[in-house]
Each structure stands twice: as structure tokens, then as C-alpha cells.
N, C-alpha and C. Protein backbone atom coordinates (compact mmCIF):
# COMPACT_ATOMS: atom_id res chain seq x y z
N MET A 1 57.53 -67.68 182.25
CA MET A 1 58.17 -66.45 181.28
C MET A 1 56.88 -65.64 180.72
N GLU A 2 56.95 -64.52 181.07
CA GLU A 2 55.81 -63.44 180.79
C GLU A 2 55.82 -62.99 179.25
N LYS A 3 54.55 -62.80 178.80
CA LYS A 3 54.18 -62.31 177.38
C LYS A 3 54.50 -60.91 177.35
N PRO A 4 55.27 -60.33 176.07
CA PRO A 4 55.60 -58.97 175.86
C PRO A 4 54.27 -58.18 176.02
N SER A 5 54.33 -56.81 176.39
CA SER A 5 53.31 -56.14 176.58
C SER A 5 52.50 -55.92 175.43
N GLU A 6 51.18 -55.73 175.55
CA GLU A 6 50.31 -55.58 174.38
C GLU A 6 50.74 -54.34 173.68
N GLU A 7 51.04 -53.30 174.22
CA GLU A 7 51.29 -52.12 173.53
C GLU A 7 52.55 -52.39 172.83
N ASN A 8 53.40 -52.99 173.19
CA ASN A 8 54.78 -53.33 172.27
C ASN A 8 54.64 -54.34 171.12
N THR A 9 53.34 -54.77 170.96
CA THR A 9 53.31 -55.64 170.15
C THR A 9 52.38 -55.41 168.82
N LYS A 10 51.92 -54.20 168.71
CA LYS A 10 51.21 -53.54 167.88
C LYS A 10 51.99 -52.83 166.79
N ASN A 11 52.23 -53.79 165.44
CA ASN A 11 53.22 -53.60 164.48
C ASN A 11 52.25 -53.35 163.19
N GLU A 12 53.06 -53.01 162.18
CA GLU A 12 52.60 -52.95 161.03
C GLU A 12 52.51 -54.48 160.44
N PRO A 13 51.83 -54.80 159.53
CA PRO A 13 51.86 -56.03 158.94
C PRO A 13 53.23 -56.50 158.30
N TRP A 14 53.37 -57.89 158.07
CA TRP A 14 54.65 -58.23 157.30
C TRP A 14 54.61 -57.73 155.87
N ASP A 15 56.05 -57.42 155.89
CA ASP A 15 56.09 -57.23 154.19
C ASP A 15 56.94 -58.55 153.78
N TRP A 16 56.00 -59.39 152.95
CA TRP A 16 56.65 -60.82 152.97
C TRP A 16 57.29 -60.48 151.63
N LYS A 17 57.27 -59.67 150.77
CA LYS A 17 58.31 -59.50 149.53
C LYS A 17 59.53 -59.02 150.06
N GLU A 18 59.66 -58.23 151.04
CA GLU A 18 61.25 -57.86 151.57
C GLU A 18 61.75 -59.12 152.27
N TYR A 19 60.90 -59.76 152.91
CA TYR A 19 61.45 -61.01 153.57
C TYR A 19 61.95 -62.06 152.58
N TYR A 20 61.08 -62.41 151.44
CA TYR A 20 61.37 -63.29 150.27
C TYR A 20 62.80 -62.97 150.01
N GLU A 21 62.86 -61.70 149.51
CA GLU A 21 63.96 -61.30 148.67
C GLU A 21 65.36 -61.32 149.78
N LEU A 22 65.10 -61.01 150.88
CA LEU A 22 66.16 -61.28 151.87
C LEU A 22 66.65 -62.65 151.95
N ILE A 23 65.50 -63.66 151.96
CA ILE A 23 66.11 -65.15 152.04
C ILE A 23 66.81 -65.46 150.66
N GLY A 24 66.22 -64.64 149.64
CA GLY A 24 66.72 -65.13 147.88
C GLY A 24 66.76 -66.51 147.67
N GLU A 25 67.72 -67.01 147.29
CA GLU A 25 67.67 -68.49 146.81
C GLU A 25 68.32 -69.42 147.72
N LYS A 26 67.98 -68.95 148.99
CA LYS A 26 68.45 -69.90 150.13
C LYS A 26 68.22 -71.24 149.80
N GLY A 27 68.91 -72.37 150.04
CA GLY A 27 68.55 -73.60 149.65
C GLY A 27 67.41 -74.23 150.39
N TYR A 28 66.99 -75.43 150.03
CA TYR A 28 65.76 -75.80 150.38
C TYR A 28 65.90 -76.54 151.87
N THR A 29 64.97 -76.81 152.59
CA THR A 29 65.24 -77.06 154.07
C THR A 29 65.98 -78.41 154.09
N LYS A 30 67.00 -78.31 154.91
CA LYS A 30 68.07 -79.33 154.92
C LYS A 30 67.30 -80.91 155.09
N ASN A 31 66.48 -81.08 156.02
CA ASN A 31 65.70 -82.31 156.24
C ASN A 31 65.09 -82.84 155.11
N LEU A 32 64.65 -82.01 154.09
CA LEU A 32 63.63 -82.36 153.17
C LEU A 32 64.14 -83.59 152.12
N GLU A 33 65.85 -83.45 151.69
CA GLU A 33 66.14 -84.31 151.06
C GLU A 33 66.05 -85.63 151.84
N GLU A 34 66.44 -85.77 152.97
CA GLU A 34 66.35 -86.91 153.56
C GLU A 34 64.92 -87.41 153.49
N ALA A 35 63.98 -86.60 153.80
CA ALA A 35 62.64 -86.98 154.12
C ALA A 35 62.03 -87.76 152.48
N VAL A 36 62.51 -87.15 151.41
CA VAL A 36 62.12 -87.64 150.08
C VAL A 36 62.65 -88.98 149.92
N ASN A 37 63.49 -89.24 150.37
CA ASN A 37 64.35 -90.62 150.14
C ASN A 37 63.38 -91.66 151.02
N TYR A 38 62.60 -91.34 151.93
CA TYR A 38 61.71 -92.40 152.66
C TYR A 38 60.39 -92.54 151.88
N CYS A 39 60.12 -91.60 150.99
CA CYS A 39 58.97 -91.78 150.27
C CYS A 39 59.05 -93.09 149.04
N GLU A 40 57.87 -93.97 149.25
CA GLU A 40 57.95 -95.11 148.55
C GLU A 40 57.49 -94.81 147.16
N LYS A 41 56.80 -93.66 147.17
CA LYS A 41 56.16 -93.20 145.57
C LYS A 41 56.22 -91.61 145.66
N LYS A 42 56.82 -91.18 144.78
CA LYS A 42 57.01 -89.58 144.70
C LYS A 42 55.94 -89.22 143.69
N ASP A 43 54.58 -89.00 144.19
CA ASP A 43 53.38 -88.61 143.61
C ASP A 43 52.93 -87.26 144.04
N PHE A 44 52.49 -87.22 145.22
CA PHE A 44 51.68 -86.00 145.48
C PHE A 44 52.22 -85.55 147.05
N ALA A 45 52.59 -84.24 146.79
CA ALA A 45 53.26 -83.77 148.13
C ALA A 45 52.34 -82.22 148.35
N LEU A 46 52.42 -81.98 149.87
CA LEU A 46 51.68 -80.77 150.35
C LEU A 46 52.89 -79.90 151.02
N ASP A 47 53.20 -78.79 150.62
CA ASP A 47 54.04 -77.70 151.20
C ASP A 47 53.32 -76.74 152.11
N ILE A 48 53.16 -76.76 153.26
CA ILE A 48 52.36 -76.03 154.20
C ILE A 48 53.30 -74.83 154.52
N GLY A 49 53.01 -73.72 154.45
CA GLY A 49 53.69 -72.60 154.73
C GLY A 49 54.76 -72.33 153.35
N ALA A 50 54.59 -72.16 152.25
CA ALA A 50 55.33 -72.58 151.16
C ALA A 50 56.32 -71.37 151.20
N GLY A 51 56.02 -70.12 151.66
CA GLY A 51 56.76 -68.84 151.41
C GLY A 51 57.25 -68.66 150.17
N ASN A 52 58.74 -68.48 150.14
CA ASN A 52 59.08 -68.13 148.52
C ASN A 52 59.17 -69.34 147.54
N LEU A 53 58.80 -70.66 148.02
CA LEU A 53 58.75 -71.74 147.43
C LEU A 53 59.93 -72.30 147.12
N ARG A 54 61.06 -72.13 148.06
CA ARG A 54 62.21 -72.95 147.88
C ARG A 54 62.06 -74.43 148.03
N ASP A 55 61.14 -74.77 149.15
CA ASP A 55 61.05 -76.22 149.42
C ASP A 55 59.95 -76.85 148.28
N THR A 56 59.04 -75.89 147.80
CA THR A 56 58.20 -76.50 146.65
C THR A 56 58.90 -76.79 145.52
N LYS A 57 60.09 -75.80 145.10
CA LYS A 57 60.62 -76.13 143.68
C LYS A 57 61.66 -77.38 144.02
N PHE A 58 61.83 -77.61 145.01
CA PHE A 58 62.83 -78.77 145.61
C PHE A 58 61.78 -80.17 144.91
N LEU A 59 60.63 -80.07 145.68
CA LEU A 59 59.66 -81.26 145.66
C LEU A 59 59.30 -81.31 144.13
N LEU A 60 59.29 -80.16 143.07
CA LEU A 60 58.97 -80.36 141.89
C LEU A 60 59.97 -81.12 141.03
N SER A 61 61.14 -80.77 141.41
CA SER A 61 62.26 -81.09 140.76
C SER A 61 62.40 -82.76 141.06
N ASN A 62 61.78 -83.04 141.97
CA ASN A 62 61.91 -84.63 142.48
C ASN A 62 60.75 -85.42 141.95
N GLY A 63 60.07 -84.85 141.08
CA GLY A 63 58.75 -85.71 140.40
C GLY A 63 57.72 -85.37 141.04
N PHE A 64 57.53 -84.70 142.03
CA PHE A 64 56.01 -84.63 142.72
C PHE A 64 55.19 -83.49 142.31
N GLU A 65 54.01 -83.83 142.21
CA GLU A 65 52.75 -82.75 142.03
C GLU A 65 52.52 -82.34 143.25
N VAL A 66 53.02 -80.97 143.42
CA VAL A 66 52.71 -80.16 144.56
C VAL A 66 51.58 -79.27 144.83
N THR A 67 50.97 -79.36 146.16
CA THR A 67 50.12 -78.25 146.38
C THR A 67 50.80 -77.31 147.63
N ALA A 68 50.81 -76.17 147.19
CA ALA A 68 51.60 -75.25 147.91
C ALA A 68 50.58 -74.38 148.82
N LEU A 69 50.74 -74.16 149.98
CA LEU A 69 49.61 -73.45 150.94
C LEU A 69 50.34 -72.48 151.55
N ASP A 70 49.90 -71.29 151.43
CA ASP A 70 50.51 -70.16 152.00
C ASP A 70 49.48 -68.89 151.79
N ILE A 71 49.48 -68.24 152.76
CA ILE A 71 48.36 -67.02 152.84
C ILE A 71 48.89 -65.89 152.21
N SER A 72 50.32 -65.68 151.92
CA SER A 72 50.96 -64.46 151.64
C SER A 72 50.71 -64.15 150.04
N PRO A 73 50.02 -62.99 149.75
CA PRO A 73 49.84 -62.73 148.19
C PRO A 73 51.22 -62.59 147.59
N GLU A 74 52.37 -62.45 148.07
CA GLU A 74 53.71 -62.58 147.47
C GLU A 74 53.97 -63.89 146.94
N SER A 75 53.72 -65.03 148.15
CA SER A 75 53.94 -66.57 147.47
C SER A 75 53.03 -66.87 146.58
N GLU A 76 51.64 -66.45 146.68
CA GLU A 76 50.81 -66.81 145.29
C GLU A 76 51.30 -66.01 144.12
N ARG A 77 52.08 -64.92 144.31
CA ARG A 77 52.60 -64.34 142.94
C ARG A 77 53.71 -65.03 142.57
N LEU A 78 54.49 -65.64 143.25
CA LEU A 78 55.74 -66.56 142.94
C LEU A 78 55.18 -67.61 142.24
N ALA A 79 54.19 -68.00 142.66
CA ALA A 79 53.44 -69.46 142.02
C ALA A 79 53.21 -69.31 140.70
N LYS A 80 52.45 -68.18 140.47
CA LYS A 80 52.02 -67.85 139.03
C LYS A 80 53.22 -67.63 138.11
N ASP A 81 53.98 -66.88 138.69
CA ASP A 81 55.46 -66.72 137.80
C ASP A 81 56.14 -68.17 137.37
N LEU A 82 56.03 -69.05 138.36
CA LEU A 82 56.66 -70.33 138.30
C LEU A 82 55.91 -70.85 136.90
N ASN A 83 54.66 -70.80 136.86
CA ASN A 83 53.84 -71.57 136.11
C ASN A 83 54.34 -72.91 135.72
N ASP A 84 54.29 -73.67 136.47
CA ASP A 84 54.57 -75.10 136.70
C ASP A 84 53.28 -76.00 136.36
N PRO A 85 52.93 -76.59 135.50
CA PRO A 85 51.78 -77.54 135.71
C PRO A 85 51.43 -78.54 136.73
N ASN A 86 52.41 -78.84 137.30
CA ASN A 86 52.51 -79.76 138.56
C ASN A 86 52.45 -79.17 139.88
N LEU A 87 52.11 -77.85 139.66
CA LEU A 87 52.11 -76.89 140.98
C LEU A 87 50.70 -76.53 141.20
N THR A 88 49.91 -76.60 142.12
CA THR A 88 48.65 -76.07 142.48
C THR A 88 48.88 -75.24 143.75
N MET A 89 48.46 -73.89 143.61
CA MET A 89 48.65 -73.00 144.82
C MET A 89 47.40 -72.80 145.42
N PHE A 90 47.26 -72.95 146.83
CA PHE A 90 46.50 -72.52 147.76
C PHE A 90 46.55 -71.27 148.53
N ALA A 91 46.24 -70.20 148.08
CA ALA A 91 46.49 -68.74 148.96
C ALA A 91 45.33 -68.62 150.04
N GLY A 92 45.63 -69.21 151.23
CA GLY A 92 45.00 -68.98 152.31
C GLY A 92 45.15 -69.57 153.57
N ARG A 93 44.63 -69.62 154.64
CA ARG A 93 44.94 -69.95 155.76
C ARG A 93 44.64 -71.65 156.17
N ILE A 94 45.73 -72.26 156.78
CA ILE A 94 45.68 -73.75 156.96
C ILE A 94 44.34 -74.00 157.28
N GLY A 95 43.39 -73.43 158.28
CA GLY A 95 42.21 -73.88 158.62
C GLY A 95 41.29 -73.81 157.34
N GLU A 96 41.60 -72.95 156.42
CA GLU A 96 40.67 -72.80 155.15
C GLU A 96 40.80 -74.05 154.09
N PHE A 97 41.95 -74.76 154.18
CA PHE A 97 42.22 -75.61 153.29
C PHE A 97 41.49 -76.83 153.47
N ASP A 98 40.93 -77.58 152.39
CA ASP A 98 40.36 -78.78 152.47
C ASP A 98 41.15 -80.11 152.14
N PHE A 99 41.28 -80.36 153.18
CA PHE A 99 42.56 -81.43 153.24
C PHE A 99 42.00 -82.95 152.73
N PRO A 100 42.52 -83.51 151.61
CA PRO A 100 41.87 -84.47 150.90
C PRO A 100 42.46 -85.75 151.98
N GLU A 101 41.71 -86.76 152.02
CA GLU A 101 42.20 -87.73 152.87
C GLU A 101 42.97 -88.86 152.04
N GLU A 102 44.13 -89.42 152.90
CA GLU A 102 44.88 -90.28 152.34
C GLU A 102 45.28 -90.10 151.01
N HIS A 103 45.96 -88.91 150.63
CA HIS A 103 46.28 -88.64 149.41
C HIS A 103 47.80 -88.11 149.21
N PHE A 104 48.31 -87.73 150.11
CA PHE A 104 49.76 -87.06 150.07
C PHE A 104 50.88 -88.20 150.36
N SER A 105 51.73 -88.11 149.60
CA SER A 105 53.25 -89.15 150.14
C SER A 105 54.04 -88.72 151.01
N LEU A 106 53.94 -86.98 150.94
CA LEU A 106 54.53 -86.38 151.92
C LEU A 106 54.07 -84.86 152.12
N VAL A 107 54.15 -84.81 153.49
CA VAL A 107 53.70 -83.44 153.79
C VAL A 107 54.77 -82.57 154.39
N ASN A 108 55.32 -81.36 154.11
CA ASN A 108 56.27 -80.57 154.41
C ASN A 108 55.51 -79.24 155.05
N ALA A 109 56.09 -79.24 156.30
CA ALA A 109 55.57 -78.12 157.21
C ALA A 109 56.86 -77.21 157.91
N GLN A 110 57.32 -76.39 157.46
CA GLN A 110 58.51 -75.66 158.21
C GLN A 110 58.05 -74.30 158.53
N GLY A 111 58.40 -74.00 159.74
CA GLY A 111 58.48 -72.68 160.25
C GLY A 111 56.73 -72.28 160.40
N ILE A 112 55.77 -73.12 160.52
CA ILE A 112 54.50 -72.73 160.59
C ILE A 112 53.65 -73.38 161.46
N LEU A 113 53.89 -74.62 161.89
CA LEU A 113 52.89 -75.55 162.91
C LEU A 113 52.93 -74.51 164.20
N PHE A 114 54.15 -74.11 164.54
CA PHE A 114 54.02 -73.19 165.99
C PHE A 114 53.27 -71.99 166.02
N HIS A 115 53.02 -71.67 164.56
CA HIS A 115 52.07 -70.25 164.65
C HIS A 115 50.45 -70.63 164.78
N ILE A 116 50.39 -72.08 164.76
CA ILE A 116 48.86 -72.60 164.86
C ILE A 116 48.55 -72.32 166.39
N HIS A 117 47.20 -71.64 166.50
CA HIS A 117 46.80 -71.61 167.90
C HIS A 117 46.76 -73.07 168.68
N LYS A 118 47.20 -72.68 169.96
CA LYS A 118 47.48 -74.27 170.63
C LYS A 118 46.24 -74.76 170.91
N ASP A 119 45.07 -74.10 171.02
CA ASP A 119 43.68 -74.59 171.22
C ASP A 119 43.03 -75.20 169.95
N ARG A 120 43.77 -74.85 168.73
CA ARG A 120 43.34 -75.43 167.51
C ARG A 120 44.26 -76.65 167.01
N PHE A 121 45.29 -76.48 167.44
CA PHE A 121 46.34 -77.50 167.00
C PHE A 121 45.77 -78.68 166.70
N ASP A 122 45.19 -79.44 167.77
CA ASP A 122 44.99 -81.05 167.35
C ASP A 122 44.05 -81.02 166.38
N ILE A 123 43.19 -80.19 165.98
CA ILE A 123 42.07 -80.26 165.25
C ILE A 123 42.91 -80.19 163.68
N VAL A 124 43.76 -79.27 163.45
CA VAL A 124 44.60 -79.01 162.38
C VAL A 124 45.55 -80.42 161.97
N PHE A 125 46.20 -80.48 162.98
CA PHE A 125 47.04 -81.55 162.78
C PHE A 125 46.42 -82.87 162.63
N ASP A 126 45.39 -83.27 163.10
CA ASP A 126 44.48 -84.34 162.68
C ASP A 126 44.07 -84.42 161.28
N LYS A 127 43.98 -83.14 160.75
CA LYS A 127 43.51 -83.30 159.10
C LYS A 127 44.97 -83.45 158.48
N ILE A 128 45.76 -82.79 158.80
CA ILE A 128 47.22 -83.31 158.16
C ILE A 128 47.47 -84.73 158.16
N LYS A 129 47.25 -85.42 159.38
CA LYS A 129 47.68 -86.56 159.63
C LYS A 129 46.73 -87.46 158.57
N LYS A 130 45.58 -87.07 158.65
CA LYS A 130 44.57 -88.05 157.97
C LYS A 130 44.70 -87.85 156.18
N SER A 131 45.45 -86.72 156.06
CA SER A 131 45.70 -86.16 154.58
C SER A 131 46.96 -87.07 153.91
N LEU A 132 47.82 -87.75 154.75
CA LEU A 132 48.70 -88.57 154.58
C LEU A 132 48.27 -90.06 154.26
N LYS A 133 49.09 -90.72 153.35
CA LYS A 133 48.66 -92.03 152.89
C LYS A 133 49.45 -92.77 154.29
N ALA A 134 49.18 -94.11 154.36
CA ALA A 134 49.81 -95.05 155.30
C ALA A 134 51.24 -95.26 154.92
N GLY A 135 52.08 -94.89 155.31
CA GLY A 135 53.61 -94.84 154.95
C GLY A 135 54.13 -93.44 154.29
N GLY A 136 53.24 -92.58 154.26
CA GLY A 136 53.52 -91.13 154.06
C GLY A 136 54.54 -90.55 154.89
N VAL A 137 55.29 -89.59 154.50
CA VAL A 137 56.29 -89.04 155.27
C VAL A 137 55.82 -87.72 155.87
N LEU A 138 56.15 -87.28 157.03
CA LEU A 138 55.97 -86.07 157.61
C LEU A 138 57.33 -85.34 157.83
N CYS A 139 57.59 -84.16 157.09
CA CYS A 139 58.93 -83.48 157.49
C CYS A 139 58.44 -82.08 157.97
N ALA A 140 58.65 -81.83 159.30
CA ALA A 140 58.25 -80.78 159.89
C ALA A 140 59.09 -80.07 161.09
N ASP A 141 59.04 -78.99 161.27
CA ASP A 141 59.84 -78.42 162.65
C ASP A 141 58.73 -77.94 163.57
N PHE A 142 58.97 -77.83 164.71
CA PHE A 142 58.21 -77.43 165.98
C PHE A 142 59.14 -76.50 166.71
N ILE A 143 58.63 -75.84 167.90
CA ILE A 143 59.30 -75.11 168.88
C ILE A 143 59.19 -75.90 169.95
N GLY A 144 60.29 -76.04 171.01
CA GLY A 144 60.24 -76.75 172.37
C GLY A 144 59.93 -75.88 173.43
N GLU A 145 60.01 -76.41 174.60
CA GLU A 145 59.57 -75.75 175.65
C GLU A 145 60.67 -74.89 176.28
N HIS A 146 61.91 -74.80 175.77
CA HIS A 146 62.77 -73.76 176.09
C HIS A 146 62.85 -72.70 175.26
N ASP A 147 62.14 -72.70 174.47
CA ASP A 147 61.79 -71.24 173.52
C ASP A 147 61.05 -70.34 173.96
N ASP A 148 61.82 -68.93 173.87
CA ASP A 148 61.38 -67.72 174.34
C ASP A 148 59.93 -67.59 174.19
N TRP A 149 59.26 -68.18 173.04
CA TRP A 149 57.78 -68.07 172.64
C TRP A 149 56.93 -68.91 173.84
N ASN A 150 57.67 -69.62 174.39
CA ASN A 150 56.75 -70.66 175.49
C ASN A 150 56.68 -69.36 176.70
N TYR A 151 56.05 -68.41 176.53
CA TYR A 151 55.43 -67.86 177.46
C TYR A 151 54.10 -68.06 178.38
N LYS A 152 54.08 -67.46 179.51
CA LYS A 152 52.74 -67.71 180.14
C LYS A 152 51.51 -67.22 179.49
N ASP A 153 50.43 -67.84 179.03
CA ASP A 153 49.35 -67.43 178.59
C ASP A 153 49.57 -67.28 177.07
N GLY A 154 50.51 -67.82 176.59
CA GLY A 154 51.06 -67.51 175.16
C GLY A 154 50.19 -68.35 174.20
N ILE A 155 50.00 -68.20 172.77
CA ILE A 155 49.11 -68.86 172.20
C ILE A 155 49.83 -69.81 171.14
N LYS A 156 51.01 -69.65 171.03
CA LYS A 156 51.55 -70.64 170.14
C LYS A 156 51.72 -72.04 170.41
N TYR A 157 51.72 -73.07 169.39
CA TYR A 157 51.78 -74.24 169.76
C TYR A 157 53.31 -74.82 170.41
N ILE A 158 53.63 -75.46 171.73
CA ILE A 158 54.91 -75.74 171.88
C ILE A 158 54.85 -77.07 172.18
N LEU A 159 55.70 -78.22 171.24
CA LEU A 159 55.53 -79.56 171.29
C LEU A 159 56.53 -79.92 172.87
N THR A 160 55.72 -80.59 173.58
CA THR A 160 56.03 -81.07 174.83
C THR A 160 56.50 -82.57 174.65
N LYS A 161 57.22 -83.10 175.72
CA LYS A 161 57.39 -84.36 175.56
C LYS A 161 56.08 -85.32 175.54
N GLU A 162 55.09 -85.01 176.25
CA GLU A 162 53.91 -85.64 176.34
C GLU A 162 53.36 -85.76 174.81
N ASP A 163 53.27 -84.49 174.03
CA ASP A 163 53.03 -84.37 172.80
C ASP A 163 53.72 -85.44 171.85
N LEU A 164 55.07 -85.47 172.02
CA LEU A 164 55.92 -86.10 171.17
C LEU A 164 55.65 -87.63 171.28
N ASP A 165 55.43 -88.05 172.68
CA ASP A 165 54.99 -89.58 172.85
C ASP A 165 53.35 -89.58 172.05
N LYS A 166 52.65 -88.77 172.12
CA LYS A 166 51.58 -88.93 171.37
C LYS A 166 51.64 -89.00 169.80
N LEU A 167 52.55 -88.28 169.30
CA LEU A 167 52.94 -88.23 167.80
C LEU A 167 53.18 -89.70 167.39
N LYS A 168 54.20 -90.24 168.33
CA LYS A 168 54.66 -91.59 168.31
C LYS A 168 53.74 -92.60 167.99
N GLN A 169 52.46 -92.32 168.62
CA GLN A 169 51.55 -93.48 168.27
C GLN A 169 51.08 -93.69 166.85
N ASP A 170 51.17 -92.71 166.33
CA ASP A 170 50.87 -92.70 164.75
C ASP A 170 51.68 -92.63 163.82
N PHE A 171 53.07 -92.25 164.36
CA PHE A 171 53.96 -92.09 163.40
C PHE A 171 55.30 -92.88 163.96
N GLU A 172 56.15 -93.23 162.90
CA GLU A 172 57.45 -94.10 163.28
C GLU A 172 58.37 -92.86 163.05
N ILE A 173 59.04 -92.59 164.06
CA ILE A 173 60.01 -91.34 163.94
C ILE A 173 61.41 -91.65 163.40
N LYS A 174 61.78 -91.19 162.22
CA LYS A 174 62.97 -91.62 161.43
C LYS A 174 64.25 -90.62 161.84
N SER A 175 63.87 -89.39 162.20
CA SER A 175 64.95 -88.66 162.52
C SER A 175 64.15 -87.44 163.52
N LEU A 176 65.19 -87.16 164.35
CA LEU A 176 64.74 -86.00 165.43
C LEU A 176 65.79 -85.41 165.85
N HIS A 177 65.98 -84.21 165.48
CA HIS A 177 66.93 -82.90 165.76
C HIS A 177 66.60 -82.05 166.59
N ASP A 178 66.98 -82.00 167.66
CA ASP A 178 66.49 -81.05 169.08
C ASP A 178 67.69 -79.91 169.46
N TYR A 179 67.50 -78.73 168.93
CA TYR A 179 68.84 -78.01 169.31
C TYR A 179 67.97 -76.47 169.54
N GLU A 180 69.08 -75.86 170.33
CA GLU A 180 68.84 -74.45 170.51
C GLU A 180 69.87 -73.61 170.38
N ALA A 181 69.57 -72.15 170.20
CA ALA A 181 70.43 -71.20 169.55
C ALA A 181 69.85 -69.70 170.08
N ASP A 182 70.54 -68.99 170.25
CA ASP A 182 70.39 -67.50 170.64
C ASP A 182 70.60 -66.63 169.11
N GLU A 183 69.63 -65.63 168.90
CA GLU A 183 69.58 -64.81 167.68
C GLU A 183 70.14 -65.65 166.14
N SER A 184 69.19 -66.25 165.95
CA SER A 184 69.62 -66.98 164.65
C SER A 184 69.48 -66.34 163.45
N GLU A 185 69.74 -67.05 162.18
CA GLU A 185 69.65 -66.41 161.02
C GLU A 185 68.16 -65.91 160.90
N GLU A 186 67.03 -66.91 161.25
CA GLU A 186 65.73 -66.19 161.04
C GLU A 186 65.48 -65.19 161.88
N THR A 187 65.66 -64.94 163.01
CA THR A 187 65.64 -63.56 163.95
C THR A 187 66.17 -62.49 163.00
N ARG A 188 67.36 -62.59 162.82
CA ARG A 188 67.94 -61.51 161.81
C ARG A 188 67.22 -61.18 160.74
N LEU A 189 66.76 -62.08 160.05
CA LEU A 189 65.98 -61.71 158.77
C LEU A 189 64.56 -61.11 159.22
N MET A 190 63.81 -61.82 160.17
CA MET A 190 62.76 -61.29 160.47
C MET A 190 62.43 -59.85 161.31
N LYS A 191 63.82 -59.41 161.97
CA LYS A 191 63.91 -58.09 162.51
C LYS A 191 64.12 -56.98 161.32
N ALA A 192 64.86 -57.38 160.13
CA ALA A 192 65.08 -56.54 159.17
C ALA A 192 63.65 -56.24 158.51
N VAL A 193 62.57 -57.25 158.56
CA VAL A 193 61.41 -57.14 158.03
C VAL A 193 60.38 -56.32 158.77
N TYR A 194 60.16 -56.70 159.92
CA TYR A 194 59.23 -56.42 160.95
C TYR A 194 59.75 -55.83 162.02
N LYS A 195 60.49 -54.27 161.92
CA LYS A 195 60.96 -53.85 163.14
C LYS A 195 60.45 -53.52 164.35
N ASN A 196 61.29 -53.85 165.51
CA ASN A 196 60.71 -53.54 166.72
C ASN A 196 59.60 -54.44 167.35
N LYS A 197 59.40 -55.73 166.84
CA LYS A 197 58.34 -56.54 167.18
C LYS A 197 59.07 -57.29 168.34
N PRO A 198 58.72 -57.36 169.38
CA PRO A 198 59.19 -58.10 170.73
C PRO A 198 59.53 -59.69 170.21
N ASP A 199 58.65 -60.01 169.57
CA ASP A 199 58.63 -61.41 169.40
C ASP A 199 59.94 -61.79 168.43
N TYR A 200 60.39 -60.57 167.62
CA TYR A 200 61.88 -60.92 166.93
C TYR A 200 63.07 -60.24 167.42
N ASN A 201 62.92 -59.80 168.47
CA ASN A 201 64.06 -59.37 169.19
C ASN A 201 64.94 -60.60 169.43
N ALA A 202 66.16 -60.12 169.70
CA ALA A 202 67.10 -61.48 170.24
C ALA A 202 66.59 -62.30 170.96
N LYS A 203 66.21 -63.58 170.63
CA LYS A 203 65.51 -64.51 171.25
C LYS A 203 66.07 -65.87 171.34
N HIS A 204 65.86 -66.81 172.38
CA HIS A 204 66.10 -67.83 172.21
C HIS A 204 65.32 -69.05 171.82
N TRP A 205 65.88 -69.57 170.77
CA TRP A 205 64.93 -70.60 169.88
C TRP A 205 65.28 -72.06 170.58
N HIS A 206 64.37 -72.84 170.44
CA HIS A 206 64.16 -74.14 170.69
C HIS A 206 63.52 -75.04 169.52
N HIS A 207 64.36 -75.20 168.41
CA HIS A 207 63.62 -76.10 167.62
C HIS A 207 63.68 -77.70 167.68
N ILE A 208 62.68 -78.30 167.11
CA ILE A 208 62.81 -79.58 167.10
C ILE A 208 62.32 -79.94 165.60
N ASP A 209 63.30 -80.69 164.84
CA ASP A 209 62.97 -80.91 163.26
C ASP A 209 62.71 -82.46 163.36
N ILE A 210 61.78 -82.75 162.84
CA ILE A 210 61.23 -84.12 162.52
C ILE A 210 60.89 -84.79 161.38
N ILE A 211 61.36 -85.93 161.03
CA ILE A 211 61.07 -86.61 159.91
C ILE A 211 60.17 -87.94 160.25
N ALA A 212 59.03 -88.04 160.07
CA ALA A 212 58.28 -89.31 160.60
C ALA A 212 57.46 -90.13 159.40
N ILE A 213 57.10 -91.23 159.66
CA ILE A 213 56.30 -92.06 158.72
C ILE A 213 55.14 -92.36 159.30
N LYS A 214 53.84 -92.20 158.70
CA LYS A 214 52.57 -92.52 159.00
C LYS A 214 52.50 -93.97 159.06
N LYS A 215 51.91 -94.59 160.34
CA LYS A 215 51.76 -96.00 160.55
C LYS A 215 50.68 -96.57 159.68
């Protein structure tokens, strides 16, 4: 698959406020409720790519102290408005976050891991893995090899069968949902915010949702 032309990928920055308003109060990630049930202790959770905080709010409601990580100023504003003493907001990039080792009972990462540059993914994911306690739960989604973003010379991280086998060395997979779809709700929302961006034109999605426990 060929990468979209450079000329067609030059667009204005994301309007995250508009995107979050379009999402509105859309429910928390479907897998998260199941993931929470695997937690031996509901103490500390990390929500990577927290966005409009819908998953963060769910974790808070389940008794976790949550660290929310997101680069969007709108996400930071929403965290301030929430004003919850059990919420710590880190407004920055994943690579700038100082991951504490063996601290979190749950790490949630939705719609974010595949945006990590493939050459840096192993470094970042190793930090995520080390931040989980033994028995800690990872709830995350990836994109697979059939996704339209898996083009020649692409920079997004694609979860391959070999990568999944490697993941199983450190994690016990409790749930794996592998599915494909065209023109998903995510595509529709992104197109409304970031018009004419080739990455978000009608595309084929190959999502892999995983719940796993650190060995």
C-alpha cells in the first residue's frame, strides 16, 4: 500500500474541542469494564490518550486514583473542570511522561498506541510494561496488518502476529477481539474535525482490542 502524497497531508492542526463535543458523553470503552474486573486491587490507574476523559471518569467512579495523560489542551481543561482530588493530569506527550515502575494496577490505552512512531514503540511500550505491577492489567487497542494505515514506509505502529507472540511472553492474554470495518464512527467523527485529511477519508480499519495481565 502506498502512502498518501505529502501535498495532500498538509492540514490545519486538530480541533480537539470540536472532536470532544462530537463525542459528547459517549460511553466509556467497552473493554474497560471487563478489564477492571481483573484488577486484584483498585488503587492506581493510568489512562494514556485520555481525550475527553470518558474512560478516566469511569476509572474514578470505580475507586481508582487516576493519572490521565494527553497532549491536548482541551483535555487538560476538562481535567481542571472536573476538579477531582483523585485525578492527576499530565498534559504532554507519552515520551515526556516519567513512568513510575511497578506502580499501576491498570493501564488503559485507547486510540493512541498505533500513533507512536514504529521505531520508538518498543522503547515506549517497555516503559508502560514496567509501570504495571505484577498482575496488573493492560487494556489497549492496536491496529493490525490489514488496516489502511499499514502502507509502505508508514510510521504508525502495526501489531503483527510476531509482535503479539512477543507480547504473550510478558502478558497473559485474557481477551482479544480482532475485527475489521470500513468507514467506522471514528472515521466519521475525525472527518468532521479534520476535513480533507487522507488518513481519515473512508478507510479500512483493522482493530485489535486486548486485555492482558502482566506476568
